[in-house]
Amino acid sequence: METFWKSFFAQRPVFSWSGLSDFGLISAGALLQALAWRLFMVPVHLANGGIAGLAQIINYYTGWPLGVMVLVGNIPLFILGWRYLGGPRFALRTAYAVLAVSVFTDTLPLLPFFPAAGLTKDLVLNALYGGVVSGIGYGLVYRGQGTSGGTDILARMLTSWWGIAISQSYLVTDALTMFLAGLSFSWENALYSLLVLYISGVAAEAATEGSDVVRTAVIITSQPEPVAQAILVEMERGVTVIGAHGAYTGQARTVLYSVITRSETAHLKSLVRQADPQAFIVIGQAHEALGEGFKPLSDGK
């Protein structure tokens, strides 16, 4: 433990604007997760994944406080898995996220104006809004360089111990919870709970990566100069020239690599077609571009 704190303080000052921003994002994300749980999921028995879902099932039978069970359930996992959480700073943010979610979950129903019975009994609406709101919450926590504990810790431990892919790890850790939810609530509720997990995953990815999705263009051409000049001059985008050769023909070829916005894709294809109708183009998607022509590198999290 002494090594943990020495490593933490050596890496970064405890009080910094960047650190405060991280904890602000985590706090907002934890609040959204608690709201999704209390407003859309718990009232109609839609189970969350991992520790939170298990806590909800236990609460259904015992009435024990949800937030307290989430916190208690994460403590042994955190102790066992903190070494897989990406370093001391990352582990500390995860611990804070778990504590914040637990506190918000148990204190929100105490507010006099809070609708403890939820906003609607419609399972479809609750699954949709519960997934979106909780997913945005997860995404904000990830942007704050933390995780929400539970399934995240278990997945990282399974990946480290047995080499299981992260996606498969989440499937393993959440499958048991969904099975128990089907036995406890109903199989219809369990199916809607799976829908919540999927929607929250999509929303979390969107919140984590933001809306700065860009396009990457790989252009294989025998006319590299006119193609590159068209992109540089008419689009004012950078181009990287890469030497290559065809594996089948053995002929030397030139590969051009450029990053553009989504709206510039059609313009790029038109310019390449005019300069070299025989060119081969691959348009890919990147979640973020940092550097000249896009966001400053210092803005990247």
Protein backbone atom coordinates (compact mmCIF):
# COMPACT_ATOMS: atom_id res chain seq x y z
CA MET A 1 0.00 0.00 0.00
CA GLU A 2 2.89 2.37 0.75
CA THR A 3 4.23 1.74 -2.75
CA PHE A 4 0.78 2.54 -4.16
CA TRP A 5 0.66 6.02 -2.62
CA LYS A 6 4.30 6.81 -3.43
CA SER A 7 3.62 5.92 -7.07
CA PHE A 8 0.44 8.01 -7.11
CA PHE A 9 2.03 11.17 -5.72
CA ALA A 10 5.07 10.76 -7.96
CA GLN A 11 2.99 10.61 -11.12
CA ARG A 12 0.93 13.76 -10.73
CA PRO A 13 0.04 16.45 -8.20
CA VAL A 14 -3.12 15.61 -6.27
CA PHE A 15 -4.66 19.03 -6.89
CA SER A 16 -4.53 20.11 -10.52
CA TRP A 17 -7.02 21.51 -12.98
CA SER A 18 -6.82 18.34 -15.03
CA GLY A 19 -7.44 16.20 -11.96
CA LEU A 20 -10.39 18.34 -10.86
CA SER A 21 -11.84 18.06 -14.35
CA ASP A 22 -11.54 14.28 -14.20
CA PHE A 23 -13.34 14.07 -10.87
CA GLY A 24 -16.01 16.46 -12.14
CA LEU A 25 -16.69 14.18 -15.09
CA ILE A 26 -16.77 11.13 -12.83
CA SER A 27 -19.21 12.84 -10.46
CA ALA A 28 -21.55 13.78 -13.30
CA GLY A 29 -21.32 10.28 -14.74
CA ALA A 30 -22.04 8.68 -11.36
CA LEU A 31 -25.11 10.89 -10.91
CA LEU A 32 -26.46 9.91 -14.34
CA GLN A 33 -25.93 6.23 -13.60
CA ALA A 34 -27.83 6.55 -10.32
CA LEU A 35 -30.66 8.48 -12.02
CA ALA A 36 -30.97 5.83 -14.73
CA TRP A 37 -31.07 3.11 -12.13
CA ARG A 38 -33.60 4.79 -9.84
CA LEU A 39 -35.86 6.35 -12.49
CA PHE A 40 -35.96 3.74 -15.23
CA MET A 41 -34.57 0.38 -14.12
CA VAL A 42 -35.21 -0.43 -10.46
CA PRO A 43 -38.94 0.50 -10.43
CA VAL A 44 -39.75 -1.96 -13.26
CA HIS A 45 -37.12 -4.60 -12.36
CA LEU A 46 -34.75 -4.13 -15.28
CA ALA A 47 -31.43 -5.52 -14.08
CA ASN A 48 -28.10 -3.82 -14.61
CA GLY A 49 -24.97 -5.80 -15.35
CA GLY A 50 -22.39 -7.13 -12.91
CA ILE A 51 -22.35 -6.16 -9.24
CA ALA A 52 -25.11 -3.57 -9.67
CA GLY A 53 -27.45 -6.17 -11.14
CA LEU A 54 -26.66 -8.65 -8.37
CA ALA A 55 -27.32 -5.93 -5.78
CA GLN A 56 -30.68 -5.22 -7.39
CA ILE A 57 -31.66 -8.89 -7.25
CA ILE A 58 -30.66 -9.15 -3.58
CA ASN A 59 -32.58 -5.94 -2.83
CA TYR A 60 -35.67 -7.47 -4.45
CA TYR A 61 -35.67 -10.26 -1.85
CA THR A 62 -34.22 -8.49 1.20
CA GLY A 63 -34.82 -4.76 0.83
CA TRP A 64 -31.18 -4.02 1.70
CA PRO A 65 -29.91 -0.61 0.44
CA LEU A 66 -28.77 -0.82 -3.17
CA GLY A 67 -25.92 1.65 -2.91
CA VAL A 68 -24.47 0.02 0.18
CA MET A 69 -24.50 -3.40 -1.50
CA VAL A 70 -22.81 -2.00 -4.62
CA LEU A 71 -20.08 -0.46 -2.47
CA VAL A 72 -19.59 -3.58 -0.33
CA GLY A 73 -19.59 -5.85 -3.39
CA ASN A 74 -16.92 -3.78 -5.09
CA ILE A 75 -14.53 -3.63 -2.13
CA PRO A 76 -13.17 -7.21 -2.46
CA LEU A 77 -13.05 -6.89 -6.24
CA PHE A 78 -11.12 -3.64 -5.94
CA ILE A 79 -8.64 -5.16 -3.50
CA LEU A 80 -8.09 -8.16 -5.77
CA GLY A 81 -8.05 -6.26 -9.04
CA TRP A 82 -6.55 -2.82 -8.40
CA ARG A 83 -3.29 -3.88 -10.05
CA TYR A 84 -5.23 -4.40 -13.31
CA LEU A 85 -6.91 -0.99 -13.24
CA GLY A 86 -4.30 0.91 -15.23
CA GLY A 87 -2.16 2.37 -12.46
CA PRO A 88 -2.71 4.11 -9.11
CA ARG A 89 -4.35 7.25 -10.51
CA PHE A 90 -6.79 5.19 -12.56
CA ALA A 91 -7.54 2.95 -9.55
CA LEU A 92 -8.21 5.96 -7.32
CA ARG A 93 -10.69 7.38 -9.83
CA THR A 94 -12.43 4.01 -10.03
CA ALA A 95 -12.75 3.88 -6.24
CA TYR A 96 -14.21 7.40 -6.25
CA ALA A 97 -16.66 6.47 -9.05
CA VAL A 98 -17.92 3.42 -7.12
CA LEU A 99 -18.37 5.50 -3.95
CA ALA A 100 -20.16 8.30 -5.82
CA VAL A 101 -22.57 5.92 -7.56
CA SER A 102 -23.35 4.22 -4.24
CA VAL A 103 -24.03 7.51 -2.44
CA PHE A 104 -26.19 8.93 -5.23
CA THR A 105 -28.16 5.68 -5.53
CA ASP A 106 -29.17 5.66 -1.88
CA THR A 107 -29.68 9.42 -1.41
CA LEU A 108 -31.74 10.28 -4.50
CA PRO A 109 -34.93 8.54 -3.22
CA LEU A 110 -34.68 10.60 -0.02
CA LEU A 111 -35.32 13.83 -1.90
CA PRO A 112 -38.95 14.96 -1.39
CA PHE A 113 -39.56 15.65 -5.09
CA PHE A 114 -37.94 12.46 -6.42
CA PRO A 115 -40.39 10.07 -8.16
CA ALA A 116 -39.50 6.85 -6.34
CA ALA A 117 -41.95 4.84 -8.47
CA GLY A 118 -40.24 5.94 -11.68
CA LEU A 119 -41.57 7.97 -14.58
CA THR A 120 -43.38 5.25 -16.52
CA LYS A 121 -44.24 1.56 -16.32
CA ASP A 122 -43.57 0.98 -20.04
CA LEU A 123 -40.70 -1.51 -20.30
CA VAL A 124 -39.66 -0.31 -23.75
CA LEU A 125 -39.36 3.32 -22.67
CA ASN A 126 -37.54 2.37 -19.48
CA ALA A 127 -35.11 0.14 -21.37
CA LEU A 128 -34.43 2.85 -23.95
CA TYR A 129 -34.00 5.79 -21.60
CA GLY A 130 -32.32 3.72 -18.89
CA GLY A 131 -29.77 2.47 -21.40
CA VAL A 132 -29.06 5.90 -22.89
CA VAL A 133 -28.80 7.76 -19.57
CA SER A 134 -26.67 5.09 -17.88
CA GLY A 135 -24.49 4.76 -20.99
CA ILE A 136 -23.77 8.48 -21.04
CA GLY A 137 -22.92 8.18 -17.35
CA TYR A 138 -20.47 5.35 -18.03
CA GLY A 139 -18.94 7.37 -20.87
CA LEU A 140 -18.36 10.40 -18.66
CA VAL A 141 -16.68 8.21 -16.05
CA TYR A 142 -14.42 6.76 -18.75
CA ARG A 143 -13.58 10.26 -19.98
CA GLY A 144 -12.59 11.05 -16.40
CA GLN A 145 -10.09 8.16 -16.63
CA GLY A 146 -12.00 5.88 -14.28
CA THR A 147 -14.40 2.94 -14.43
CA SER A 148 -17.58 2.10 -12.55
CA GLY A 149 -16.05 -0.98 -10.92
CA GLY A 150 -17.87 -4.30 -10.81
CA THR A 151 -17.90 -5.79 -14.29
CA ASP A 152 -15.01 -3.61 -15.43
CA ILE A 153 -12.73 -4.98 -12.71
CA LEU A 154 -13.84 -8.58 -13.26
CA ALA A 155 -13.36 -8.28 -17.02
CA ARG A 156 -9.83 -6.93 -16.62
CA MET A 157 -8.98 -9.69 -14.15
CA LEU A 158 -10.28 -12.42 -16.48
CA THR A 159 -8.35 -10.90 -19.36
CA SER A 160 -5.14 -10.78 -17.33
CA TRP A 161 -5.45 -14.24 -15.78
CA TRP A 162 -6.73 -16.32 -18.68
CA GLY A 163 -6.21 -14.12 -21.74
CA ILE A 164 -9.95 -13.80 -22.41
CA ALA A 165 -10.83 -10.90 -24.72
CA ILE A 166 -12.42 -7.90 -23.01
CA SER A 167 -15.67 -8.29 -24.99
CA GLN A 168 -15.92 -11.95 -24.02
CA SER A 169 -15.09 -11.07 -20.41
CA TYR A 170 -18.06 -8.72 -20.24
CA LEU A 171 -20.25 -11.42 -21.76
CA VAL A 172 -19.15 -13.93 -19.11
CA THR A 173 -19.54 -11.57 -16.16
CA ASP A 174 -22.95 -10.23 -17.26
CA ALA A 175 -24.46 -13.55 -18.41
CA LEU A 176 -24.84 -14.83 -14.85
CA THR A 177 -26.55 -11.63 -13.75
CA MET A 178 -29.03 -11.76 -16.64
CA PHE A 179 -29.78 -15.43 -15.89
CA LEU A 180 -30.48 -14.66 -12.23
CA ALA A 181 -32.61 -11.67 -13.27
CA GLY A 182 -34.72 -13.98 -15.42
CA LEU A 183 -35.25 -16.32 -12.48
CA SER A 184 -35.99 -13.49 -10.04
CA PHE A 185 -38.08 -11.05 -12.08
CA SER A 186 -39.20 -12.63 -15.37
CA TRP A 187 -37.61 -13.75 -18.61
CA GLU A 188 -39.28 -10.83 -20.38
CA ASN A 189 -37.57 -8.44 -17.98
CA ALA A 190 -34.28 -10.26 -18.51
CA LEU A 191 -34.59 -9.79 -22.28
CA TYR A 192 -35.26 -6.09 -21.83
CA SER A 193 -32.30 -5.95 -19.45
CA LEU A 194 -30.09 -7.30 -22.24
CA LEU A 195 -31.43 -4.50 -24.43
CA VAL A 196 -30.44 -2.00 -21.73
CA LEU A 197 -26.90 -3.41 -21.69
CA TYR A 198 -26.59 -3.04 -25.47
CA ILE A 199 -28.00 0.50 -25.58
CA SER A 200 -25.85 1.61 -22.67
CA GLY A 201 -22.75 0.24 -24.41
CA VAL A 202 -23.51 2.22 -27.58
CA ALA A 203 -24.26 5.38 -25.58
CA ALA A 204 -21.11 4.93 -23.49
CA GLU A 205 -18.97 4.65 -26.62
CA ALA A 206 -20.55 7.78 -28.10
CA ALA A 207 -20.05 9.72 -24.86
CA THR A 208 -16.46 8.52 -24.49
CA GLU A 209 -15.35 9.20 -28.05
CA GLY A 210 -17.48 12.30 -28.55
CA SER A 211 -18.81 13.52 -31.88
CA ASP A 212 -15.40 14.11 -33.44
CA VAL A 213 -15.55 11.07 -35.71
CA VAL A 214 -13.32 11.62 -38.75
CA ARG A 215 -12.47 9.69 -41.89
CA THR A 216 -9.10 8.23 -42.81
CA ALA A 217 -8.32 7.81 -46.50
CA VAL A 218 -5.77 5.33 -47.88
CA ILE A 219 -5.19 5.96 -51.59
CA ILE A 220 -3.12 3.62 -53.77
CA THR A 221 -2.29 5.43 -56.99
CA SER A 222 0.13 5.51 -59.89
CA GLN A 223 -0.29 9.30 -60.05
CA PRO A 224 0.72 10.36 -56.53
CA GLU A 225 1.81 13.91 -57.35
CA PRO A 226 -1.43 15.24 -58.88
CA VAL A 227 -3.55 13.41 -56.29
CA ALA A 228 -1.51 14.74 -53.38
CA GLN A 229 -1.47 18.27 -54.78
CA ALA A 230 -5.25 18.23 -55.23
CA ILE A 231 -5.73 17.26 -51.58
CA LEU A 232 -3.13 19.74 -50.32
CA VAL A 233 -4.29 22.72 -52.38
CA GLU A 234 -8.02 22.29 -52.91
CA MET A 235 -8.91 20.64 -49.60
CA GLU A 236 -6.05 22.09 -47.50
CA ARG A 237 -5.55 18.73 -45.84
CA GLY A 238 -2.25 17.05 -45.07
CA VAL A 239 -1.04 14.01 -47.00
CA THR A 240 1.54 11.41 -46.02
CA VAL A 241 3.35 9.60 -48.85
CA ILE A 242 4.20 5.94 -48.20
CA GLY A 243 6.28 3.81 -50.54
CA ALA A 244 4.90 0.32 -51.24
CA HIS A 245 4.75 -2.45 -53.85
CA GLY A 246 2.02 -4.79 -55.03
CA ALA A 247 2.32 -8.31 -53.63
CA TYR A 248 0.78 -9.85 -56.77
CA THR A 249 2.40 -7.70 -59.49
CA GLY A 250 5.59 -6.79 -57.64
CA GLN A 251 5.32 -3.30 -59.09
CA ALA A 252 6.25 -0.25 -57.05
CA ARG A 253 3.24 1.76 -55.96
CA THR A 254 2.65 4.85 -53.87
CA VAL A 255 0.21 4.98 -50.96
CA LEU A 256 -1.22 8.31 -49.80
CA TYR A 257 -2.69 8.67 -46.34
CA SER A 258 -4.91 11.58 -45.31
CA VAL A 259 -7.38 12.42 -42.53
CA ILE A 260 -10.52 14.36 -43.43
CA THR A 261 -13.91 15.20 -41.94
CA ARG A 262 -17.05 13.27 -42.82
CA SER A 263 -18.38 16.11 -44.96
CA GLU A 264 -15.18 16.13 -47.06
CA THR A 265 -15.42 12.48 -48.13
CA ALA A 266 -17.32 13.10 -51.37
CA HIS A 267 -14.97 15.97 -52.31
CA LEU A 268 -11.93 13.76 -51.77
CA LYS A 269 -13.29 10.96 -53.94
CA SER A 270 -14.10 13.45 -56.70
CA LEU A 271 -10.57 14.90 -56.65
CA VAL A 272 -8.92 11.48 -56.72
CA ARG A 273 -11.18 10.33 -59.54
CA GLN A 274 -10.22 13.35 -61.63
CA ALA A 275 -6.48 12.94 -61.01
CA ASP A 276 -6.30 9.14 -61.34
CA PRO A 277 -9.43 7.21 -62.38
CA GLN A 278 -7.58 3.94 -61.75
CA ALA A 279 -6.76 4.74 -58.12
CA PHE A 280 -7.81 2.43 -55.28
CA ILE A 281 -9.30 4.16 -52.21
CA VAL A 282 -10.14 2.82 -48.77
CA ILE A 283 -12.18 5.15 -46.53
CA GLY A 284 -12.03 4.27 -42.84
CA GLN A 285 -13.37 5.75 -39.64
CA ALA A 286 -11.38 7.15 -36.75
CA HIS A 287 -12.90 8.24 -33.45
CA GLU A 288 -10.69 11.29 -32.99
CA ALA A 289 -7.98 13.33 -34.71
CA LEU A 290 -5.57 15.47 -32.72
CA GLY A 291 -3.03 17.82 -34.27
CA GLU A 292 -2.80 20.39 -37.03
CA GLY A 293 -6.09 20.92 -38.83
CA PHE A 294 -8.11 19.27 -36.06
CA LYS A 295 -8.25 19.55 -32.27
CA PRO A 296 -5.00 20.54 -30.51
CA LEU A 297 -3.12 17.56 -29.14
CA SER A 298 -3.36 19.07 -25.64
CA ASP A 299 -7.18 18.68 -25.75
CA GLY A 300 -7.02 14.90 -26.04
CA LYS A 301 -7.94 12.87 -22.97
